[in-house]
Amino acid sequence: MKKEQRKQFIRKRKESFDMEKCLAVSEKILVLDEYKNAKNILCYASYNCEVDTFYLMNKIIADGKNLYLPRCVTETKEMDVCIVKDLTELKTGTYGIKEPVGEGVSAQLLDLIIVPMVAFDRRKTRLGYGGGYYDRFLPKTDAVKVGIAFSVQESDSLVKEMTDIPMDIIITEKEVIRGKTLTESSHN
């Protein structure tokens, strides 16, 4: 069932990809108190019609914050994170995704994590790609978890498994979702 959901939502995401929507998501992140108060931020290098994060990553660096990116370690099915000072340092890594080079750092160092999603629901359940990298990584940190997606990636209800880590906040181009209710809308 999850496999079919993934296909459906990846198709919807691809059909609705738009840079203006990506920028709207980034702008919503940049005004969050959680962003303003964070010093160490883990983002992801967008790939395959995900919400584009390259504007956001450059802004994190320009704002004097520490940008970290994930790196998949396929042998252990774990994810580690490395600091990135310049986006030109990235290399194409696992699954064709741009990854950092260098020494990994502790997940405990992070204040805020921007998480990619294939789909989400109002309970802040996240559907990922199925590799479990984030599900294994997120319990290692107390950082605020912000899932980002396009509004068309919302599901009425996703199957939640024991290993699924809920997001603290979900942001789309239209809204910021906290708790079980909408606290901000597109006109904020």
C-alpha atoms as a PDB file:
ATOM      1  CA  MET A   1       0.000   0.000   0.000  1.00  0.00           C
ATOM      2  CA  LYS A   2       2.791   2.456   0.888  1.00  0.00           C
ATOM      3  CA  LYS A   3       4.530   1.654  -2.399  1.00  0.00           C
ATOM      4  CA  GLU A   4       1.433   2.638  -4.375  1.00  0.00           C
ATOM      5  CA  GLN A   5       0.961   5.785  -2.275  1.00  0.00           C
ATOM      6  CA  ARG A   6       4.570   6.762  -2.973  1.00  0.00           C
ATOM      7  CA  LYS A   7       4.095   6.400  -6.738  1.00  0.00           C
ATOM      8  CA  GLN A   8       0.873   8.417  -6.643  1.00  0.00           C
ATOM      9  CA  PHE A   9       2.318  11.281  -4.570  1.00  0.00           C
ATOM     10  CA  ILE A  10       5.615  11.427  -6.473  1.00  0.00           C
ATOM     11  CA  ARG A  11       3.592  11.770  -9.680  1.00  0.00           C
ATOM     12  CA  LYS A  12       1.453  14.551  -8.105  1.00  0.00           C
ATOM     13  CA  ARG A  13       4.587  16.300  -6.851  1.00  0.00           C
ATOM     14  CA  LYS A  14       6.203  16.169 -10.286  1.00  0.00           C
ATOM     15  CA  GLU A  15       3.062  17.507 -11.991  1.00  0.00           C
ATOM     16  CA  SER A  16       2.778  20.431  -9.567  1.00  0.00           C
ATOM     17  CA  PHE A  17       6.465  21.383  -9.310  1.00  0.00           C
ATOM     18  CA  ASP A  18       6.905  25.132  -9.594  1.00  0.00           C
ATOM     19  CA  MET A  19       9.796  27.340  -8.424  1.00  0.00           C
ATOM     20  CA  GLU A  20       7.397  30.000  -7.094  1.00  0.00           C
ATOM     21  CA  LYS A  21       5.855  27.378  -4.820  1.00  0.00           C
ATOM     22  CA  CYS A  22       9.346  26.330  -3.704  1.00  0.00           C
ATOM     23  CA  LEU A  23      10.224  29.932  -2.850  1.00  0.00           C
ATOM     24  CA  ALA A  24       6.944  30.310  -0.933  1.00  0.00           C
ATOM     25  CA  VAL A  25       7.877  27.278   1.191  1.00  0.00           C
ATOM     26  CA  SER A  26      11.368  28.697   1.824  1.00  0.00           C
ATOM     27  CA  GLU A  27       9.971  32.093   2.821  1.00  0.00           C
ATOM     28  CA  LYS A  28       7.665  30.430   5.364  1.00  0.00           C
ATOM     29  CA  ILE A  29      10.667  28.647   6.892  1.00  0.00           C
ATOM     30  CA  LEU A  30      12.722  31.841   7.081  1.00  0.00           C
ATOM     31  CA  VAL A  31      10.124  33.647   9.231  1.00  0.00           C
ATOM     32  CA  LEU A  32       9.699  30.824  11.758  1.00  0.00           C
ATOM     33  CA  ASP A  33      10.970  31.583  15.261  1.00  0.00           C
ATOM     34  CA  GLU A  34      12.480  28.097  15.173  1.00  0.00           C
ATOM     35  CA  TYR A  35      14.563  29.160  12.169  1.00  0.00           C
ATOM     36  CA  LYS A  36      15.522  32.536  13.634  1.00  0.00           C
ATOM     37  CA  ASN A  37      16.667  30.877  16.881  1.00  0.00           C
ATOM     38  CA  ALA A  38      18.532  27.991  15.212  1.00  0.00           C
ATOM     39  CA  LYS A  39      22.286  28.026  14.740  1.00  0.00           C
ATOM     40  CA  ASN A  40      22.823  24.510  13.301  1.00  0.00           C
ATOM     41  CA  ILE A  41      20.394  23.553  10.531  1.00  0.00           C
ATOM     42  CA  LEU A  42      20.205  20.285   8.628  1.00  0.00           C
ATOM     43  CA  CYS A  43      18.652  20.689   5.197  1.00  0.00           C
ATOM     44  CA  TYR A  44      18.602  18.361   2.188  1.00  0.00           C
ATOM     45  CA  ALA A  45      19.749  18.885  -1.367  1.00  0.00           C
ATOM     46  CA  SER A  46      16.534  18.712  -3.372  1.00  0.00           C
ATOM     47  CA  TYR A  47      16.248  16.092  -6.062  1.00  0.00           C
ATOM     48  CA  ASN A  48      13.645  14.762  -8.491  1.00  0.00           C
ATOM     49  CA  CYS A  49      11.020  17.530  -8.189  1.00  0.00           C
ATOM     50  CA  GLU A  50      11.178  17.776  -4.387  1.00  0.00           C
ATOM     51  CA  VAL A  51      10.602  21.245  -2.950  1.00  0.00           C
ATOM     52  CA  ASP A  52      13.752  23.001  -4.190  1.00  0.00           C
ATOM     53  CA  THR A  53      16.071  23.816  -1.288  1.00  0.00           C
ATOM     54  CA  PHE A  54      18.985  25.530  -3.020  1.00  0.00           C
ATOM     55  CA  TYR A  55      17.666  29.067  -2.364  1.00  0.00           C
ATOM     56  CA  LEU A  56      17.045  28.088   1.276  1.00  0.00           C
ATOM     57  CA  MET A  57      20.512  26.544   1.699  1.00  0.00           C
ATOM     58  CA  ASN A  58      22.196  29.667   0.316  1.00  0.00           C
ATOM     59  CA  LYS A  59      20.068  31.816   2.658  1.00  0.00           C
ATOM     60  CA  ILE A  60      21.045  29.693   5.678  1.00  0.00           C
ATOM     61  CA  ILE A  61      24.720  30.268   4.861  1.00  0.00           C
ATOM     62  CA  ALA A  62      24.149  33.998   4.147  1.00  0.00           C
ATOM     63  CA  ASP A  63      22.341  34.360   7.498  1.00  0.00           C
ATOM     64  CA  GLY A  64      25.505  33.182   9.277  1.00  0.00           C
ATOM     65  CA  LYS A  65      24.012  29.886  10.385  1.00  0.00           C
ATOM     66  CA  ASN A  66      25.733  26.512  10.073  1.00  0.00           C
ATOM     67  CA  LEU A  67      24.312  24.468   7.187  1.00  0.00           C
ATOM     68  CA  TYR A  68      24.522  20.681   7.407  1.00  0.00           C
ATOM     69  CA  LEU A  69      23.508  18.193   4.743  1.00  0.00           C
ATOM     70  CA  PRO A  70      22.859  14.459   5.025  1.00  0.00           C
ATOM     71  CA  ARG A  71      24.937  11.714   3.489  1.00  0.00           C
ATOM     72  CA  CYS A  72      23.573   8.189   3.055  1.00  0.00           C
ATOM     73  CA  VAL A  73      25.865   5.374   4.142  1.00  0.00           C
ATOM     74  CA  THR A  74      24.435   2.519   2.080  1.00  0.00           C
ATOM     75  CA  GLU A  75      26.465  -0.221   3.787  1.00  0.00           C
ATOM     76  CA  THR A  76      24.829   0.490   7.159  1.00  0.00           C
ATOM     77  CA  LYS A  77      21.582   2.081   5.865  1.00  0.00           C
ATOM     78  CA  GLU A  78      22.390   5.007   8.178  1.00  0.00           C
ATOM     79  CA  MET A  79      22.586   8.708   7.472  1.00  0.00           C
ATOM     80  CA  ASP A  80      25.285  11.013   8.765  1.00  0.00           C
ATOM     81  CA  VAL A  81      25.552  14.790   8.470  1.00  0.00           C
ATOM     82  CA  CYS A  82      28.379  17.128   7.493  1.00  0.00           C
ATOM     83  CA  ILE A  83      28.770  20.893   7.622  1.00  0.00           C
ATOM     84  CA  VAL A  84      28.688  22.684   4.266  1.00  0.00           C
ATOM     85  CA  LYS A  85      30.254  26.125   3.842  1.00  0.00           C
ATOM     86  CA  ASP A  86      29.800  26.361   0.074  1.00  0.00           C
ATOM     87  CA  LEU A  87      27.303  24.507  -2.126  1.00  0.00           C
ATOM     88  CA  THR A  88      29.954  24.025  -4.818  1.00  0.00           C
ATOM     89  CA  GLU A  89      31.601  21.507  -2.417  1.00  0.00           C
ATOM     90  CA  LEU A  90      28.773  19.000  -2.943  1.00  0.00           C
ATOM     91  CA  LYS A  91      29.362  15.754  -4.839  1.00  0.00           C
ATOM     92  CA  THR A  92      26.808  13.472  -6.459  1.00  0.00           C
ATOM     93  CA  GLY A  93      26.360  10.631  -4.022  1.00  0.00           C
ATOM     94  CA  THR A  94      23.989   7.839  -3.164  1.00  0.00           C
ATOM     95  CA  TYR A  95      20.824   7.718  -5.271  1.00  0.00           C
ATOM     96  CA  GLY A  96      22.153  10.566  -7.461  1.00  0.00           C
ATOM     97  CA  ILE A  97      21.567  13.140  -4.698  1.00  0.00           C
ATOM     98  CA  LYS A  98      24.084  15.908  -3.978  1.00  0.00           C
ATOM     99  CA  GLU A  99      25.912  15.101  -0.732  1.00  0.00           C
ATOM    100  CA  PRO A 100      28.557  16.782   1.418  1.00  0.00           C
ATOM    101  CA  VAL A 101      32.120  15.594   1.838  1.00  0.00           C
ATOM    102  CA  GLY A 102      34.091  15.592   5.083  1.00  0.00           C
ATOM    103  CA  GLU A 103      33.720  14.327   8.614  1.00  0.00           C
ATOM    104  CA  GLY A 104      30.289  13.558   9.970  1.00  0.00           C
ATOM    105  CA  VAL A 105      29.084  15.336  13.116  1.00  0.00           C
ATOM    106  CA  SER A 106      26.763  14.367  15.954  1.00  0.00           C
ATOM    107  CA  ALA A 107      23.037  14.651  15.341  1.00  0.00           C
ATOM    108  CA  GLN A 108      22.779  16.207  18.820  1.00  0.00           C
ATOM    109  CA  LEU A 109      24.440  19.350  17.452  1.00  0.00           C
ATOM    110  CA  LEU A 110      21.401  20.192  15.295  1.00  0.00           C
ATOM    111  CA  ASP A 111      18.701  22.718  16.242  1.00  0.00           C
ATOM    112  CA  LEU A 112      16.451  22.452  13.191  1.00  0.00           C
ATOM    113  CA  ILE A 113      15.994  19.787  10.521  1.00  0.00           C
ATOM    114  CA  ILE A 114      14.321  20.381   7.149  1.00  0.00           C
ATOM    115  CA  VAL A 115      12.936  17.005   6.077  1.00  0.00           C
ATOM    116  CA  PRO A 116      11.827  15.959   2.570  1.00  0.00           C
ATOM    117  CA  MET A 117       8.469  14.225   2.245  1.00  0.00           C
ATOM    118  CA  VAL A 118       6.726  12.175  -0.412  1.00  0.00           C
ATOM    119  CA  ALA A 119       3.404  12.730   1.378  1.00  0.00           C
ATOM    120  CA  PHE A 120       1.997  13.897   4.720  1.00  0.00           C
ATOM    121  CA  ASP A 121      -1.248  14.069   6.656  1.00  0.00           C
ATOM    122  CA  ARG A 122      -2.741  16.430   9.254  1.00  0.00           C
ATOM    123  CA  ARG A 123      -1.378  14.274  12.089  1.00  0.00           C
ATOM    124  CA  LYS A 124       2.062  15.319  10.789  1.00  0.00           C
ATOM    125  CA  THR A 125       2.796  11.781   9.670  1.00  0.00           C
ATOM    126  CA  ARG A 126       5.440  11.731   6.960  1.00  0.00           C
ATOM    127  CA  LEU A 127       5.714   9.284   4.093  1.00  0.00           C
ATOM    128  CA  GLY A 128       9.310   9.085   2.873  1.00  0.00           C
ATOM    129  CA  TYR A 129      10.939   7.122   0.089  1.00  0.00           C
ATOM    130  CA  GLY A 130      10.968   3.869   2.040  1.00  0.00           C
ATOM    131  CA  GLY A 131      14.688   3.562   2.780  1.00  0.00           C
ATOM    132  CA  GLY A 132      14.216   4.446   6.449  1.00  0.00           C
ATOM    133  CA  TYR A 133      17.256   6.758   6.573  1.00  0.00           C
ATOM    134  CA  TYR A 134      15.379   9.619   8.259  1.00  0.00           C
ATOM    135  CA  ASP A 135      13.392   7.234  10.484  1.00  0.00           C
ATOM    136  CA  ARG A 136      16.680   5.889  11.863  1.00  0.00           C
ATOM    137  CA  PHE A 137      18.339   9.311  12.068  1.00  0.00           C
ATOM    138  CA  LEU A 138      15.630  11.495  13.652  1.00  0.00           C
ATOM    139  CA  PRO A 139      15.451   9.679  17.032  1.00  0.00           C
ATOM    140  CA  LYS A 140      19.126  10.618  17.574  1.00  0.00           C
ATOM    141  CA  THR A 141      18.317  14.326  17.916  1.00  0.00           C
ATOM    142  CA  ASP A 142      16.014  16.689  19.795  1.00  0.00           C
ATOM    143  CA  ALA A 143      16.037  19.193  16.919  1.00  0.00           C
ATOM    144  CA  VAL A 144      12.775  20.658  15.624  1.00  0.00           C
ATOM    145  CA  LYS A 145      11.660  18.612  12.620  1.00  0.00           C
ATOM    146  CA  VAL A 146      10.121  20.600   9.753  1.00  0.00           C
ATOM    147  CA  GLY A 147       8.701  18.545   6.890  1.00  0.00           C
ATOM    148  CA  ILE A 148       8.296  20.386   3.603  1.00  0.00           C
ATOM    149  CA  ALA A 149       6.144  19.474   0.616  1.00  0.00           C
ATOM    150  CA  PHE A 150       3.676  20.872  -1.882  1.00  0.00           C
ATOM    151  CA  SER A 151       0.032  21.035  -0.798  1.00  0.00           C
ATOM    152  CA  VAL A 152      -0.901  18.364  -3.396  1.00  0.00           C
ATOM    153  CA  GLN A 153       1.186  15.891  -1.384  1.00  0.00           C
ATOM    154  CA  GLU A 154      -1.315  15.942   1.478  1.00  0.00           C
ATOM    155  CA  SER A 155      -3.082  12.650   2.172  1.00  0.00           C
ATOM    156  CA  ASP A 156      -6.318  12.242   4.096  1.00  0.00           C
ATOM    157  CA  SER A 157      -4.590   9.668   6.267  1.00  0.00           C
ATOM    158  CA  LEU A 158      -1.307   7.822   5.990  1.00  0.00           C
ATOM    159  CA  VAL A 159      -0.570   4.470   7.574  1.00  0.00           C
ATOM    160  CA  LYS A 160       1.654   5.225  10.564  1.00  0.00           C
ATOM    161  CA  GLU A 161       4.137   2.576  11.614  1.00  0.00           C
ATOM    162  CA  MET A 162       6.052   2.346  14.893  1.00  0.00           C
ATOM    163  CA  THR A 163       9.270   3.508  13.211  1.00  0.00           C
ATOM    164  CA  ASP A 164       7.664   6.584  11.607  1.00  0.00           C
ATOM    165  CA  ILE A 165       8.745   9.821  13.279  1.00  0.00           C
ATOM    166  CA  PRO A 166       6.102  12.581  13.151  1.00  0.00           C
ATOM    167  CA  MET A 167       7.107  16.080  12.130  1.00  0.00           C
ATOM    168  CA  ASP A 168       6.854  19.001  14.570  1.00  0.00           C
ATOM    169  CA  ILE A 169       5.850  21.373  11.763  1.00  0.00           C
ATOM    170  CA  ILE A 170       4.805  20.829   8.153  1.00  0.00           C
ATOM    171  CA  ILE A 171       5.137  23.608   5.598  1.00  0.00           C
ATOM    172  CA  THR A 172       3.617  23.788   2.132  1.00  0.00           C
ATOM    173  CA  GLU A 173       3.398  26.721  -0.259  1.00  0.00           C
ATOM    174  CA  LYS A 174      -0.037  27.435   1.232  1.00  0.00           C
ATOM    175  CA  GLU A 175       0.336  26.948   4.983  1.00  0.00           C
ATOM    176  CA  VAL A 176       2.274  26.144   8.127  1.00  0.00           C
ATOM    177  CA  ILE A 177       0.818  23.213  10.053  1.00  0.00           C
ATOM    178  CA  ARG A 178       1.583  22.881  13.761  1.00  0.00           C
ATOM    179  CA  GLY A 179      -0.092  20.573  16.222  1.00  0.00           C
ATOM    180  CA  LYS A 180      -3.401  19.340  14.912  1.00  0.00           C
ATOM    181  CA  THR A 181      -4.619  22.696  13.708  1.00  0.00           C
ATOM    182  CA  LEU A 182      -3.579  25.308  11.227  1.00  0.00           C
ATOM    183  CA  THR A 183      -1.777  28.175  12.980  1.00  0.00           C
ATOM    184  CA  GLU A 184      -0.641  30.193  10.017  1.00  0.00           C
ATOM    185  CA  SER A 185      -1.984  30.514   6.512  1.00  0.00           C
ATOM    186  CA  SER A 186      -0.729  31.690   3.169  1.00  0.00           C
ATOM    187  CA  HIS A 187      -1.567  35.302   3.978  1.00  0.00           C
ATOM    188  CA  ASN A 188       0.907  35.425   6.883  1.00  0.00           C
END
